[in-house]
N, C-alpha and C. Protein backbone atom coordinates (compact mmCIF):
# COMPACT_ATOMS: atom_id res chain seq x y z
N MET A 1 -2.30 10.13 21.85
CA MET A 1 -1.07 9.39 21.55
C MET A 1 -0.60 9.79 20.16
N ASP A 2 0.46 10.54 20.08
CA ASP A 2 0.97 11.03 18.80
C ASP A 2 2.41 10.58 18.68
N SER A 3 2.64 9.41 18.09
CA SER A 3 3.98 8.87 18.00
C SER A 3 4.14 8.07 16.73
N PRO A 4 5.40 7.95 16.23
CA PRO A 4 5.64 7.13 15.05
C PRO A 4 5.20 5.69 15.25
N VAL A 5 5.33 5.18 16.47
CA VAL A 5 4.94 3.79 16.75
C VAL A 5 3.44 3.62 16.54
N ALA A 6 2.65 4.52 17.11
CA ALA A 6 1.20 4.46 16.93
C ALA A 6 0.84 4.58 15.45
N ASP A 7 1.53 5.48 14.75
CA ASP A 7 1.26 5.66 13.31
C ASP A 7 1.55 4.38 12.53
N ASP A 8 2.60 3.66 12.91
CA ASP A 8 2.93 2.42 12.22
C ASP A 8 1.82 1.39 12.39
N TYR A 9 1.25 1.32 13.58
CA TYR A 9 0.12 0.41 13.81
C TYR A 9 -1.07 0.80 12.94
N LEU A 10 -1.40 2.07 12.95
CA LEU A 10 -2.56 2.53 12.20
C LEU A 10 -2.37 2.30 10.69
N LYS A 11 -1.16 2.53 10.21
CA LYS A 11 -0.85 2.28 8.80
C LYS A 11 -1.03 0.81 8.44
N ALA A 12 -0.52 -0.07 9.30
CA ALA A 12 -0.60 -1.50 9.04
C ALA A 12 -2.06 -1.97 8.98
N ILE A 13 -2.89 -1.45 9.88
CA ILE A 13 -4.31 -1.81 9.89
C ILE A 13 -4.99 -1.28 8.63
N TYR A 14 -4.67 -0.05 8.25
CA TYR A 14 -5.23 0.57 7.05
C TYR A 14 -4.84 -0.24 5.81
N HIS A 15 -3.55 -0.57 5.70
CA HIS A 15 -3.05 -1.30 4.54
C HIS A 15 -3.78 -2.63 4.35
N HIS A 16 -4.06 -3.30 5.47
CA HIS A 16 -4.60 -4.65 5.40
C HIS A 16 -5.93 -4.70 4.67
N THR A 17 -6.75 -3.70 4.85
CA THR A 17 -8.08 -3.71 4.23
C THR A 17 -8.17 -2.79 3.01
N GLU A 18 -7.03 -2.33 2.54
CA GLU A 18 -7.06 -1.41 1.41
C GLU A 18 -7.41 -2.11 0.10
N TRP A 19 -6.95 -3.36 -0.04
CA TRP A 19 -7.18 -4.09 -1.29
C TRP A 19 -7.95 -5.39 -1.07
N GLN A 20 -8.49 -5.59 0.11
CA GLN A 20 -9.39 -6.70 0.38
C GLN A 20 -10.19 -6.34 1.63
N ASP A 21 -11.24 -7.10 1.94
CA ASP A 21 -12.21 -6.66 2.94
C ASP A 21 -12.07 -7.27 4.33
N SER A 22 -11.33 -8.34 4.48
CA SER A 22 -11.25 -9.00 5.79
C SER A 22 -10.43 -8.18 6.77
N PRO A 23 -10.97 -7.88 7.98
CA PRO A 23 -10.21 -7.10 8.97
C PRO A 23 -9.00 -7.87 9.48
N ILE A 24 -8.05 -7.15 9.98
CA ILE A 24 -6.80 -7.76 10.45
C ILE A 24 -6.96 -8.29 11.87
N THR A 25 -6.35 -9.43 12.14
CA THR A 25 -6.36 -10.00 13.49
C THR A 25 -5.10 -9.56 14.23
N PRO A 26 -5.11 -9.61 15.57
CA PRO A 26 -3.90 -9.23 16.31
C PRO A 26 -2.67 -10.04 15.90
N SER A 27 -2.85 -11.34 15.63
CA SER A 27 -1.70 -12.16 15.24
C SER A 27 -1.16 -11.73 13.87
N GLN A 28 -2.05 -11.39 12.96
CA GLN A 28 -1.60 -10.88 11.66
C GLN A 28 -0.89 -9.55 11.81
N LEU A 29 -1.41 -8.70 12.67
CA LEU A 29 -0.79 -7.41 12.92
C LEU A 29 0.61 -7.58 13.51
N ALA A 30 0.74 -8.53 14.43
CA ALA A 30 2.05 -8.80 15.03
C ALA A 30 3.03 -9.28 13.97
N ALA A 31 2.56 -10.13 13.05
CA ALA A 31 3.44 -10.65 12.00
C ALA A 31 3.88 -9.54 11.05
N VAL A 32 2.95 -8.66 10.68
CA VAL A 32 3.28 -7.55 9.78
C VAL A 32 4.31 -6.62 10.41
N LEU A 33 4.14 -6.33 11.69
CA LEU A 33 5.02 -5.40 12.37
C LEU A 33 6.29 -6.05 12.91
N GLY A 34 6.33 -7.39 12.91
CA GLY A 34 7.50 -8.09 13.42
C GLY A 34 7.65 -7.96 14.92
N LEU A 35 6.53 -7.98 15.64
CA LEU A 35 6.52 -7.78 17.08
C LEU A 35 5.88 -8.98 17.78
N ALA A 36 6.13 -9.08 19.08
CA ALA A 36 5.51 -10.14 19.88
C ALA A 36 4.02 -9.85 20.03
N PRO A 37 3.18 -10.89 19.97
CA PRO A 37 1.74 -10.69 20.13
C PRO A 37 1.37 -9.94 21.40
N SER A 38 2.10 -10.16 22.48
CA SER A 38 1.79 -9.47 23.74
C SER A 38 2.00 -7.97 23.62
N SER A 39 3.04 -7.57 22.87
CA SER A 39 3.30 -6.14 22.67
C SER A 39 2.19 -5.51 21.83
N VAL A 40 1.75 -6.24 20.82
CA VAL A 40 0.68 -5.74 19.95
C VAL A 40 -0.62 -5.59 20.73
N THR A 41 -0.92 -6.57 21.56
CA THR A 41 -2.15 -6.51 22.36
C THR A 41 -2.16 -5.28 23.25
N GLU A 42 -1.02 -4.99 23.86
CA GLU A 42 -0.92 -3.83 24.76
C GLU A 42 -1.12 -2.53 23.98
N MET A 43 -0.49 -2.42 22.82
CA MET A 43 -0.64 -1.19 22.03
C MET A 43 -2.05 -1.04 21.48
N VAL A 44 -2.66 -2.13 21.06
CA VAL A 44 -4.04 -2.07 20.55
C VAL A 44 -4.97 -1.55 21.64
N LYS A 45 -4.75 -1.96 22.88
CA LYS A 45 -5.56 -1.46 24.00
C LYS A 45 -5.39 0.05 24.15
N LYS A 46 -4.17 0.53 24.00
CA LYS A 46 -3.91 1.97 24.11
C LYS A 46 -4.59 2.74 22.97
N LEU A 47 -4.50 2.17 21.76
CA LEU A 47 -5.13 2.83 20.61
C LEU A 47 -6.66 2.84 20.77
N ALA A 48 -7.19 1.77 21.32
CA ALA A 48 -8.64 1.71 21.54
C ALA A 48 -9.06 2.75 22.58
N ALA A 49 -8.24 2.91 23.61
CA ALA A 49 -8.55 3.89 24.65
C ALA A 49 -8.53 5.31 24.10
N GLN A 50 -7.76 5.52 23.04
CA GLN A 50 -7.68 6.83 22.39
C GLN A 50 -8.76 7.01 21.33
N GLY A 51 -9.58 6.00 21.14
CA GLY A 51 -10.65 6.10 20.15
C GLY A 51 -10.20 5.94 18.71
N LEU A 52 -9.03 5.30 18.52
CA LEU A 52 -8.47 5.16 17.18
C LEU A 52 -8.77 3.81 16.54
N VAL A 53 -9.02 2.78 17.36
CA VAL A 53 -9.37 1.46 16.84
C VAL A 53 -10.49 0.87 17.68
N THR A 54 -11.17 -0.11 17.12
CA THR A 54 -12.12 -0.92 17.87
C THR A 54 -11.59 -2.34 17.92
N HIS A 55 -11.78 -2.99 19.06
CA HIS A 55 -11.24 -4.34 19.23
C HIS A 55 -11.92 -5.02 20.41
N ARG A 56 -12.24 -6.29 20.22
CA ARG A 56 -12.73 -7.10 21.33
C ARG A 56 -11.77 -8.26 21.52
N PRO A 57 -11.68 -8.83 22.72
CA PRO A 57 -10.72 -9.91 22.98
C PRO A 57 -10.83 -11.04 21.94
N TYR A 58 -9.69 -11.40 21.38
CA TYR A 58 -9.56 -12.48 20.39
C TYR A 58 -10.25 -12.16 19.05
N GLY A 59 -10.71 -10.94 18.90
CA GLY A 59 -11.35 -10.54 17.65
C GLY A 59 -10.44 -9.67 16.80
N PRO A 60 -10.89 -9.32 15.60
CA PRO A 60 -10.08 -8.48 14.71
C PRO A 60 -10.01 -7.04 15.20
N VAL A 61 -9.10 -6.30 14.59
CA VAL A 61 -8.88 -4.89 14.93
C VAL A 61 -9.32 -4.04 13.74
N SER A 62 -10.12 -3.02 14.00
CA SER A 62 -10.60 -2.14 12.93
C SER A 62 -10.36 -0.68 13.31
N LEU A 63 -10.16 0.16 12.32
CA LEU A 63 -9.98 1.58 12.56
C LEU A 63 -11.33 2.25 12.80
N THR A 64 -11.37 3.17 13.74
CA THR A 64 -12.52 4.04 13.90
C THR A 64 -12.41 5.14 12.84
N PRO A 65 -13.44 5.95 12.64
CA PRO A 65 -13.31 7.07 11.70
C PRO A 65 -12.11 7.97 12.03
N ALA A 66 -11.89 8.21 13.33
CA ALA A 66 -10.74 9.04 13.72
C ALA A 66 -9.43 8.34 13.39
N GLY A 67 -9.38 7.03 13.62
CA GLY A 67 -8.17 6.27 13.32
C GLY A 67 -7.89 6.20 11.84
N ARG A 68 -8.95 6.04 11.06
CA ARG A 68 -8.79 5.99 9.60
C ARG A 68 -8.31 7.33 9.06
N HIS A 69 -8.83 8.42 9.60
CA HIS A 69 -8.42 9.75 9.15
C HIS A 69 -6.94 9.98 9.45
N ARG A 70 -6.51 9.58 10.65
CA ARG A 70 -5.10 9.76 11.00
C ARG A 70 -4.21 8.85 10.17
N ALA A 71 -4.62 7.59 9.97
CA ALA A 71 -3.83 6.68 9.16
C ALA A 71 -3.71 7.20 7.73
N ALA A 72 -4.81 7.71 7.17
CA ALA A 72 -4.79 8.24 5.81
C ALA A 72 -3.82 9.41 5.70
N GLY A 73 -3.74 10.22 6.76
CA GLY A 73 -2.81 11.35 6.75
C GLY A 73 -1.36 10.90 6.68
N VAL A 74 -1.02 9.86 7.44
CA VAL A 74 0.35 9.35 7.43
C VAL A 74 0.65 8.69 6.08
N ILE A 75 -0.30 7.93 5.57
CA ILE A 75 -0.11 7.26 4.29
C ILE A 75 0.00 8.29 3.16
N ARG A 76 -0.75 9.36 3.25
CA ARG A 76 -0.64 10.44 2.27
C ARG A 76 0.80 10.96 2.24
N ARG A 77 1.36 11.20 3.41
CA ARG A 77 2.75 11.67 3.49
C ARG A 77 3.69 10.67 2.82
N HIS A 78 3.55 9.40 3.22
CA HIS A 78 4.45 8.35 2.72
C HIS A 78 4.41 8.26 1.19
N ARG A 79 3.21 8.26 0.64
CA ARG A 79 3.08 8.05 -0.81
C ARG A 79 3.45 9.28 -1.61
N LEU A 80 3.21 10.46 -1.06
CA LEU A 80 3.68 11.67 -1.74
C LEU A 80 5.21 11.70 -1.77
N ILE A 81 5.83 11.29 -0.67
CA ILE A 81 7.29 11.28 -0.62
C ILE A 81 7.84 10.27 -1.62
N GLU A 82 7.24 9.08 -1.70
CA GLU A 82 7.69 8.09 -2.68
C GLU A 82 7.60 8.65 -4.10
N THR A 83 6.49 9.29 -4.40
CA THR A 83 6.29 9.87 -5.73
C THR A 83 7.32 10.96 -6.01
N TRP A 84 7.58 11.79 -5.02
CA TRP A 84 8.57 12.86 -5.11
C TRP A 84 9.96 12.30 -5.39
N LEU A 85 10.34 11.24 -4.68
CA LEU A 85 11.67 10.65 -4.85
C LEU A 85 11.85 10.06 -6.25
N VAL A 86 10.79 9.45 -6.76
CA VAL A 86 10.87 8.85 -8.10
C VAL A 86 10.93 9.94 -9.18
N ARG A 87 10.08 10.94 -9.05
CA ARG A 87 9.99 11.97 -10.11
C ARG A 87 11.13 12.97 -10.07
N GLU A 88 11.53 13.37 -8.87
CA GLU A 88 12.50 14.47 -8.74
C GLU A 88 13.94 14.00 -8.52
N PHE A 89 14.12 12.79 -8.00
CA PHE A 89 15.47 12.35 -7.66
C PHE A 89 15.87 11.04 -8.34
N ALA A 90 15.06 10.60 -9.31
CA ALA A 90 15.38 9.44 -10.14
C ALA A 90 15.56 8.15 -9.34
N TYR A 91 14.87 8.06 -8.19
CA TYR A 91 14.84 6.78 -7.49
C TYR A 91 14.01 5.80 -8.32
N SER A 92 14.34 4.51 -8.25
CA SER A 92 13.48 3.51 -8.87
C SER A 92 12.42 3.10 -7.85
N TRP A 93 11.34 2.47 -8.33
CA TRP A 93 10.21 2.21 -7.45
C TRP A 93 10.51 1.18 -6.37
N ASP A 94 11.62 0.40 -6.53
CA ASP A 94 11.98 -0.57 -5.50
C ASP A 94 12.89 0.04 -4.43
N GLU A 95 13.24 1.32 -4.56
CA GLU A 95 14.17 1.96 -3.62
C GLU A 95 13.51 2.95 -2.66
N VAL A 96 12.25 3.29 -2.91
CA VAL A 96 11.69 4.46 -2.22
C VAL A 96 11.04 4.16 -0.87
N HIS A 97 10.63 2.91 -0.64
CA HIS A 97 9.82 2.62 0.56
C HIS A 97 10.57 2.97 1.85
N ASP A 98 11.80 2.47 1.99
CA ASP A 98 12.54 2.69 3.24
C ASP A 98 12.86 4.17 3.45
N GLU A 99 13.18 4.88 2.36
CA GLU A 99 13.45 6.32 2.48
C GLU A 99 12.20 7.05 2.98
N ALA A 100 11.05 6.69 2.40
CA ALA A 100 9.80 7.35 2.79
C ALA A 100 9.44 7.04 4.24
N GLU A 101 9.77 5.84 4.71
CA GLU A 101 9.49 5.48 6.11
C GLU A 101 10.18 6.45 7.06
N VAL A 102 11.38 6.88 6.70
CA VAL A 102 12.14 7.82 7.54
C VAL A 102 11.61 9.24 7.38
N LEU A 103 11.43 9.67 6.14
CA LEU A 103 11.08 11.06 5.86
C LEU A 103 9.65 11.42 6.28
N GLU A 104 8.74 10.45 6.29
CA GLU A 104 7.34 10.77 6.58
C GLU A 104 7.14 11.34 7.98
N HIS A 105 8.10 11.07 8.87
CA HIS A 105 7.98 11.57 10.25
C HIS A 105 8.69 12.91 10.44
N SER A 106 9.39 13.40 9.41
CA SER A 106 10.21 14.59 9.61
C SER A 106 9.82 15.79 8.76
N LEU A 107 9.07 15.59 7.68
CA LEU A 107 8.70 16.71 6.83
C LEU A 107 7.57 17.53 7.46
N SER A 108 7.66 18.84 7.34
CA SER A 108 6.60 19.71 7.85
C SER A 108 5.39 19.66 6.92
N ASP A 109 4.24 20.06 7.44
CA ASP A 109 3.04 20.12 6.62
C ASP A 109 3.22 21.11 5.47
N ARG A 110 3.92 22.19 5.72
CA ARG A 110 4.14 23.20 4.67
C ARG A 110 4.95 22.62 3.52
N LEU A 111 6.02 21.88 3.85
CA LEU A 111 6.85 21.30 2.81
C LEU A 111 6.07 20.22 2.06
N LEU A 112 5.28 19.44 2.77
CA LEU A 112 4.49 18.40 2.12
C LEU A 112 3.49 19.01 1.13
N GLU A 113 2.85 20.10 1.52
CA GLU A 113 1.92 20.79 0.64
C GLU A 113 2.65 21.30 -0.60
N GLY A 114 3.87 21.82 -0.41
CA GLY A 114 4.66 22.29 -1.54
C GLY A 114 5.03 21.16 -2.49
N ILE A 115 5.36 19.99 -1.94
CA ILE A 115 5.68 18.82 -2.76
C ILE A 115 4.46 18.39 -3.56
N ASP A 116 3.30 18.34 -2.89
CA ASP A 116 2.06 17.95 -3.55
C ASP A 116 1.75 18.89 -4.72
N GLU A 117 1.90 20.18 -4.48
CA GLU A 117 1.63 21.17 -5.54
C GLU A 117 2.62 21.04 -6.69
N ARG A 118 3.89 20.87 -6.37
CA ARG A 118 4.92 20.76 -7.41
C ARG A 118 4.69 19.52 -8.28
N LEU A 119 4.20 18.45 -7.68
CA LEU A 119 3.99 17.21 -8.41
C LEU A 119 2.68 17.22 -9.21
N GLY A 120 1.89 18.29 -9.05
CA GLY A 120 0.62 18.35 -9.77
C GLY A 120 -0.50 17.60 -9.07
N ARG A 121 -0.36 17.45 -7.75
CA ARG A 121 -1.35 16.76 -6.90
C ARG A 121 -1.68 15.38 -7.46
N PRO A 122 -0.70 14.49 -7.48
CA PRO A 122 -0.92 13.14 -8.03
C PRO A 122 -1.91 12.34 -7.20
N ARG A 123 -2.63 11.43 -7.85
CA ARG A 123 -3.62 10.60 -7.16
C ARG A 123 -3.07 9.24 -6.79
N PHE A 124 -1.93 8.84 -7.43
CA PHE A 124 -1.37 7.52 -7.16
C PHE A 124 0.14 7.61 -7.02
N ASP A 125 0.70 6.72 -6.19
CA ASP A 125 2.15 6.68 -6.02
C ASP A 125 2.76 5.77 -7.09
N PRO A 126 4.09 5.59 -7.11
CA PRO A 126 4.72 4.80 -8.18
C PRO A 126 4.27 3.35 -8.23
N HIS A 127 3.75 2.81 -7.12
CA HIS A 127 3.30 1.42 -7.08
C HIS A 127 1.82 1.28 -7.41
N GLY A 128 1.16 2.41 -7.67
CA GLY A 128 -0.26 2.36 -8.00
C GLY A 128 -1.18 2.50 -6.80
N ASP A 129 -0.62 2.70 -5.61
CA ASP A 129 -1.44 2.90 -4.42
C ASP A 129 -2.02 4.31 -4.43
N ALA A 130 -3.29 4.42 -4.05
CA ALA A 130 -3.96 5.72 -4.04
C ALA A 130 -3.37 6.63 -2.97
N ILE A 131 -3.12 7.88 -3.33
CA ILE A 131 -2.67 8.88 -2.37
C ILE A 131 -3.92 9.56 -1.80
N PRO A 132 -4.20 9.40 -0.52
CA PRO A 132 -5.39 10.04 0.05
C PRO A 132 -5.35 11.55 -0.13
N ASP A 133 -6.53 12.15 -0.34
CA ASP A 133 -6.63 13.60 -0.35
C ASP A 133 -6.35 14.13 1.05
N ALA A 134 -6.24 15.45 1.17
CA ALA A 134 -5.97 16.06 2.46
C ALA A 134 -7.05 15.72 3.49
N ASP A 135 -8.27 15.45 3.01
CA ASP A 135 -9.36 15.11 3.93
C ASP A 135 -9.46 13.62 4.21
N GLY A 136 -8.53 12.83 3.62
CA GLY A 136 -8.50 11.40 3.87
C GLY A 136 -9.24 10.55 2.86
N SER A 137 -9.95 11.15 1.91
CA SER A 137 -10.69 10.38 0.92
C SER A 137 -9.75 9.85 -0.16
N VAL A 138 -10.14 8.72 -0.77
CA VAL A 138 -9.31 8.11 -1.82
C VAL A 138 -10.18 7.84 -3.04
N HIS A 139 -9.51 7.74 -4.19
CA HIS A 139 -10.20 7.46 -5.45
C HIS A 139 -9.51 6.26 -6.09
N ARG A 140 -10.28 5.20 -6.35
CA ARG A 140 -9.68 3.98 -6.87
C ARG A 140 -10.65 3.28 -7.81
N GLU A 141 -10.13 2.72 -8.89
CA GLU A 141 -10.96 1.97 -9.83
C GLU A 141 -11.28 0.58 -9.28
N PRO A 142 -12.37 -0.05 -9.75
CA PRO A 142 -12.65 -1.44 -9.37
C PRO A 142 -11.47 -2.33 -9.77
N PHE A 143 -11.11 -3.30 -8.92
CA PHE A 143 -9.88 -4.06 -9.13
C PHE A 143 -10.09 -5.54 -8.87
N VAL A 144 -9.12 -6.33 -9.32
CA VAL A 144 -9.09 -7.76 -9.03
C VAL A 144 -7.63 -8.16 -8.85
N LEU A 145 -7.37 -8.99 -7.84
CA LEU A 145 -6.03 -9.52 -7.63
C LEU A 145 -5.70 -10.47 -8.77
N LEU A 146 -4.49 -10.42 -9.28
CA LEU A 146 -4.10 -11.26 -10.41
C LEU A 146 -4.36 -12.74 -10.12
N ALA A 147 -4.09 -13.17 -8.89
CA ALA A 147 -4.30 -14.58 -8.52
C ALA A 147 -5.77 -14.98 -8.62
N GLU A 148 -6.68 -14.01 -8.54
CA GLU A 148 -8.11 -14.30 -8.58
C GLU A 148 -8.75 -13.97 -9.93
N ALA A 149 -7.95 -13.50 -10.86
CA ALA A 149 -8.46 -13.17 -12.19
C ALA A 149 -8.65 -14.44 -13.00
N SER A 150 -9.71 -14.51 -13.77
CA SER A 150 -10.00 -15.70 -14.56
C SER A 150 -9.11 -15.74 -15.80
N ILE A 151 -8.92 -16.96 -16.33
CA ILE A 151 -8.16 -17.12 -17.56
C ILE A 151 -8.85 -16.33 -18.67
N GLY A 152 -8.08 -15.55 -19.39
CA GLY A 152 -8.64 -14.71 -20.44
C GLY A 152 -8.92 -13.28 -20.00
N HIS A 153 -8.86 -13.04 -18.66
CA HIS A 153 -9.10 -11.67 -18.18
C HIS A 153 -8.01 -10.74 -18.69
N ALA A 154 -8.40 -9.59 -19.15
CA ALA A 154 -7.46 -8.57 -19.62
C ALA A 154 -7.73 -7.28 -18.86
N GLY A 155 -6.67 -6.66 -18.40
CA GLY A 155 -6.83 -5.41 -17.67
C GLY A 155 -5.52 -4.66 -17.53
N ARG A 156 -5.63 -3.46 -17.04
CA ARG A 156 -4.46 -2.61 -16.82
C ARG A 156 -3.93 -2.84 -15.40
N VAL A 157 -2.63 -2.86 -15.25
CA VAL A 157 -2.05 -3.01 -13.91
C VAL A 157 -2.34 -1.75 -13.10
N LEU A 158 -3.10 -1.92 -12.03
CA LEU A 158 -3.43 -0.80 -11.16
C LEU A 158 -2.42 -0.60 -10.05
N ARG A 159 -1.96 -1.73 -9.51
CA ARG A 159 -1.13 -1.63 -8.32
C ARG A 159 -0.21 -2.83 -8.21
N VAL A 160 1.01 -2.62 -7.71
CA VAL A 160 1.95 -3.69 -7.41
C VAL A 160 2.43 -3.49 -5.98
N SER A 161 2.35 -4.53 -5.17
CA SER A 161 2.79 -4.42 -3.78
C SER A 161 4.27 -4.06 -3.72
N ASP A 162 4.61 -3.18 -2.78
CA ASP A 162 6.01 -2.75 -2.65
C ASP A 162 6.74 -3.51 -1.54
N ARG A 163 6.19 -4.63 -1.09
CA ARG A 163 6.79 -5.38 0.01
C ARG A 163 8.13 -6.00 -0.35
N ASP A 164 8.29 -6.42 -1.61
CA ASP A 164 9.48 -7.19 -2.01
C ASP A 164 10.21 -6.48 -3.14
N PRO A 165 11.29 -5.74 -2.84
CA PRO A 165 12.02 -5.02 -3.89
C PRO A 165 12.53 -5.93 -5.01
N GLU A 166 12.95 -7.15 -4.65
CA GLU A 166 13.46 -8.08 -5.67
C GLU A 166 12.36 -8.46 -6.65
N LEU A 167 11.15 -8.68 -6.14
CA LEU A 167 10.03 -8.98 -7.02
C LEU A 167 9.70 -7.79 -7.91
N LEU A 168 9.75 -6.58 -7.36
CA LEU A 168 9.50 -5.38 -8.17
C LEU A 168 10.46 -5.31 -9.36
N ARG A 169 11.72 -5.59 -9.09
CA ARG A 169 12.71 -5.55 -10.18
C ARG A 169 12.42 -6.64 -11.22
N ALA A 170 12.02 -7.83 -10.75
CA ALA A 170 11.73 -8.93 -11.67
C ALA A 170 10.51 -8.61 -12.54
N LEU A 171 9.52 -7.96 -11.95
CA LEU A 171 8.33 -7.60 -12.71
C LEU A 171 8.66 -6.60 -13.82
N VAL A 172 9.46 -5.59 -13.48
CA VAL A 172 9.85 -4.59 -14.48
C VAL A 172 10.61 -5.25 -15.62
N GLU A 173 11.51 -6.17 -15.29
CA GLU A 173 12.28 -6.87 -16.32
C GLU A 173 11.38 -7.65 -17.27
N ASN A 174 10.19 -8.05 -16.77
CA ASN A 174 9.25 -8.81 -17.59
C ASN A 174 8.16 -7.93 -18.20
N GLY A 175 8.31 -6.61 -18.09
CA GLY A 175 7.36 -5.70 -18.69
C GLY A 175 6.06 -5.55 -17.93
N ILE A 176 6.07 -5.90 -16.65
CA ILE A 176 4.87 -5.79 -15.82
C ILE A 176 5.04 -4.62 -14.88
N ASP A 177 4.29 -3.55 -15.13
CA ASP A 177 4.44 -2.31 -14.38
C ASP A 177 3.08 -1.62 -14.32
N VAL A 178 2.94 -0.69 -13.39
CA VAL A 178 1.69 0.05 -13.27
C VAL A 178 1.38 0.75 -14.59
N GLY A 179 0.15 0.58 -15.06
CA GLY A 179 -0.27 1.19 -16.32
C GLY A 179 -0.16 0.29 -17.53
N HIS A 180 0.58 -0.82 -17.39
CA HIS A 180 0.74 -1.73 -18.51
C HIS A 180 -0.46 -2.67 -18.62
N GLU A 181 -0.72 -3.15 -19.84
CA GLU A 181 -1.85 -4.05 -20.08
C GLU A 181 -1.41 -5.51 -19.92
N LEU A 182 -2.23 -6.30 -19.19
CA LEU A 182 -1.96 -7.72 -19.02
C LEU A 182 -3.17 -8.53 -19.45
N GLU A 183 -2.89 -9.70 -20.01
CA GLU A 183 -3.94 -10.69 -20.29
C GLU A 183 -3.53 -11.98 -19.62
N VAL A 184 -4.42 -12.57 -18.83
CA VAL A 184 -4.12 -13.80 -18.09
C VAL A 184 -4.27 -14.99 -19.03
N LEU A 185 -3.17 -15.72 -19.25
CA LEU A 185 -3.18 -16.87 -20.14
C LEU A 185 -3.28 -18.19 -19.37
N SER A 186 -2.69 -18.22 -18.17
CA SER A 186 -2.78 -19.39 -17.30
C SER A 186 -2.43 -18.93 -15.89
N ASP A 187 -2.31 -19.88 -14.96
CA ASP A 187 -1.99 -19.50 -13.57
C ASP A 187 -0.63 -18.84 -13.45
N ASP A 188 0.28 -19.11 -14.35
CA ASP A 188 1.63 -18.56 -14.21
C ASP A 188 2.17 -17.92 -15.49
N VAL A 189 1.29 -17.65 -16.46
CA VAL A 189 1.73 -17.00 -17.69
C VAL A 189 0.74 -15.89 -18.05
N VAL A 190 1.28 -14.74 -18.42
CA VAL A 190 0.44 -13.62 -18.86
C VAL A 190 1.00 -13.06 -20.16
N ARG A 191 0.18 -12.28 -20.84
CA ARG A 191 0.66 -11.51 -21.97
C ARG A 191 0.77 -10.07 -21.51
N ALA A 192 1.98 -9.52 -21.49
CA ALA A 192 2.24 -8.17 -21.02
C ALA A 192 2.53 -7.27 -22.21
N ASP A 193 1.61 -6.34 -22.48
CA ASP A 193 1.77 -5.44 -23.63
C ASP A 193 2.06 -6.22 -24.90
N GLY A 194 1.38 -7.36 -25.05
CA GLY A 194 1.50 -8.15 -26.28
C GLY A 194 2.57 -9.22 -26.26
N THR A 195 3.39 -9.27 -25.20
CA THR A 195 4.46 -10.26 -25.11
C THR A 195 4.15 -11.29 -24.05
N GLU A 196 4.25 -12.55 -24.38
CA GLU A 196 3.96 -13.63 -23.44
C GLU A 196 5.12 -13.80 -22.46
N VAL A 197 4.83 -13.76 -21.16
CA VAL A 197 5.89 -13.87 -20.16
C VAL A 197 5.43 -14.79 -19.02
N ALA A 198 6.40 -15.48 -18.42
CA ALA A 198 6.13 -16.29 -17.24
C ALA A 198 6.19 -15.39 -16.01
N LEU A 199 5.25 -15.58 -15.10
CA LEU A 199 5.20 -14.74 -13.91
C LEU A 199 6.31 -15.12 -12.93
N PRO A 200 7.02 -14.14 -12.38
CA PRO A 200 7.98 -14.43 -11.31
C PRO A 200 7.24 -14.99 -10.09
N THR A 201 7.94 -15.75 -9.27
CA THR A 201 7.34 -16.30 -8.06
C THR A 201 6.78 -15.20 -7.18
N GLY A 202 5.53 -15.36 -6.76
CA GLY A 202 4.91 -14.38 -5.87
C GLY A 202 4.17 -13.27 -6.58
N ALA A 203 4.29 -13.21 -7.91
CA ALA A 203 3.69 -12.09 -8.65
C ALA A 203 2.18 -12.11 -8.59
N SER A 204 1.57 -13.29 -8.67
CA SER A 204 0.11 -13.35 -8.77
C SER A 204 -0.58 -12.81 -7.52
N SER A 205 0.11 -12.83 -6.38
CA SER A 205 -0.47 -12.30 -5.15
C SER A 205 0.02 -10.89 -4.83
N SER A 206 0.71 -10.28 -5.79
CA SER A 206 1.28 -8.95 -5.58
C SER A 206 0.89 -7.93 -6.64
N VAL A 207 0.04 -8.35 -7.60
CA VAL A 207 -0.34 -7.47 -8.71
C VAL A 207 -1.87 -7.39 -8.76
N TRP A 208 -2.39 -6.19 -8.92
CA TRP A 208 -3.83 -5.96 -9.05
C TRP A 208 -4.13 -5.35 -10.41
N LEU A 209 -5.20 -5.83 -11.03
CA LEU A 209 -5.61 -5.36 -12.35
C LEU A 209 -6.96 -4.65 -12.28
N THR A 210 -7.25 -3.87 -13.31
CA THR A 210 -8.61 -3.33 -13.43
C THR A 210 -9.56 -4.50 -13.61
N ARG A 211 -10.73 -4.37 -12.96
CA ARG A 211 -11.71 -5.44 -13.04
C ARG A 211 -12.39 -5.46 -14.40
């Protein structure tokens, strides 16, 4: 099964466990993809038959080694394209996700390799997400979600979720960006590069720091 639809499922499953350990349930997968649970159940069965996921009735869905390798390949494409758009075409980090969703299915492997080489083989995309190597391996520092960081914790912003473009813009306006230093002062206030700022709504569950 080689289709953009299957790739979207594999990406969603991969994303779910990228920054936390709990496997995704069919209902969570349906919510992420915006599909009816019955449609998700049918596709999960097809993916399982292809050896790409493991799943038991009413249980979570996990990628097999083959499924993880394929998902990493698609995610590699997506994140390289996002990085390319930001560096070469002056896109802002809140604009690239939808463009990459379209382009990831149309670029040839040769062009993707050329983009990777031109960019200097980056390890992270503009949001701080790791770009898998060609073999599917990733390199990431130990991390903690901002919402779970203790008062007084100080660390560098490793990653910001790209789910909400409006939140991305609000974070930048407050000096919170990948690579910037944060110190947790309270549940809703941080010091960003030395300046005390109130966190925008939703920020604590969308920002990851070095542990």
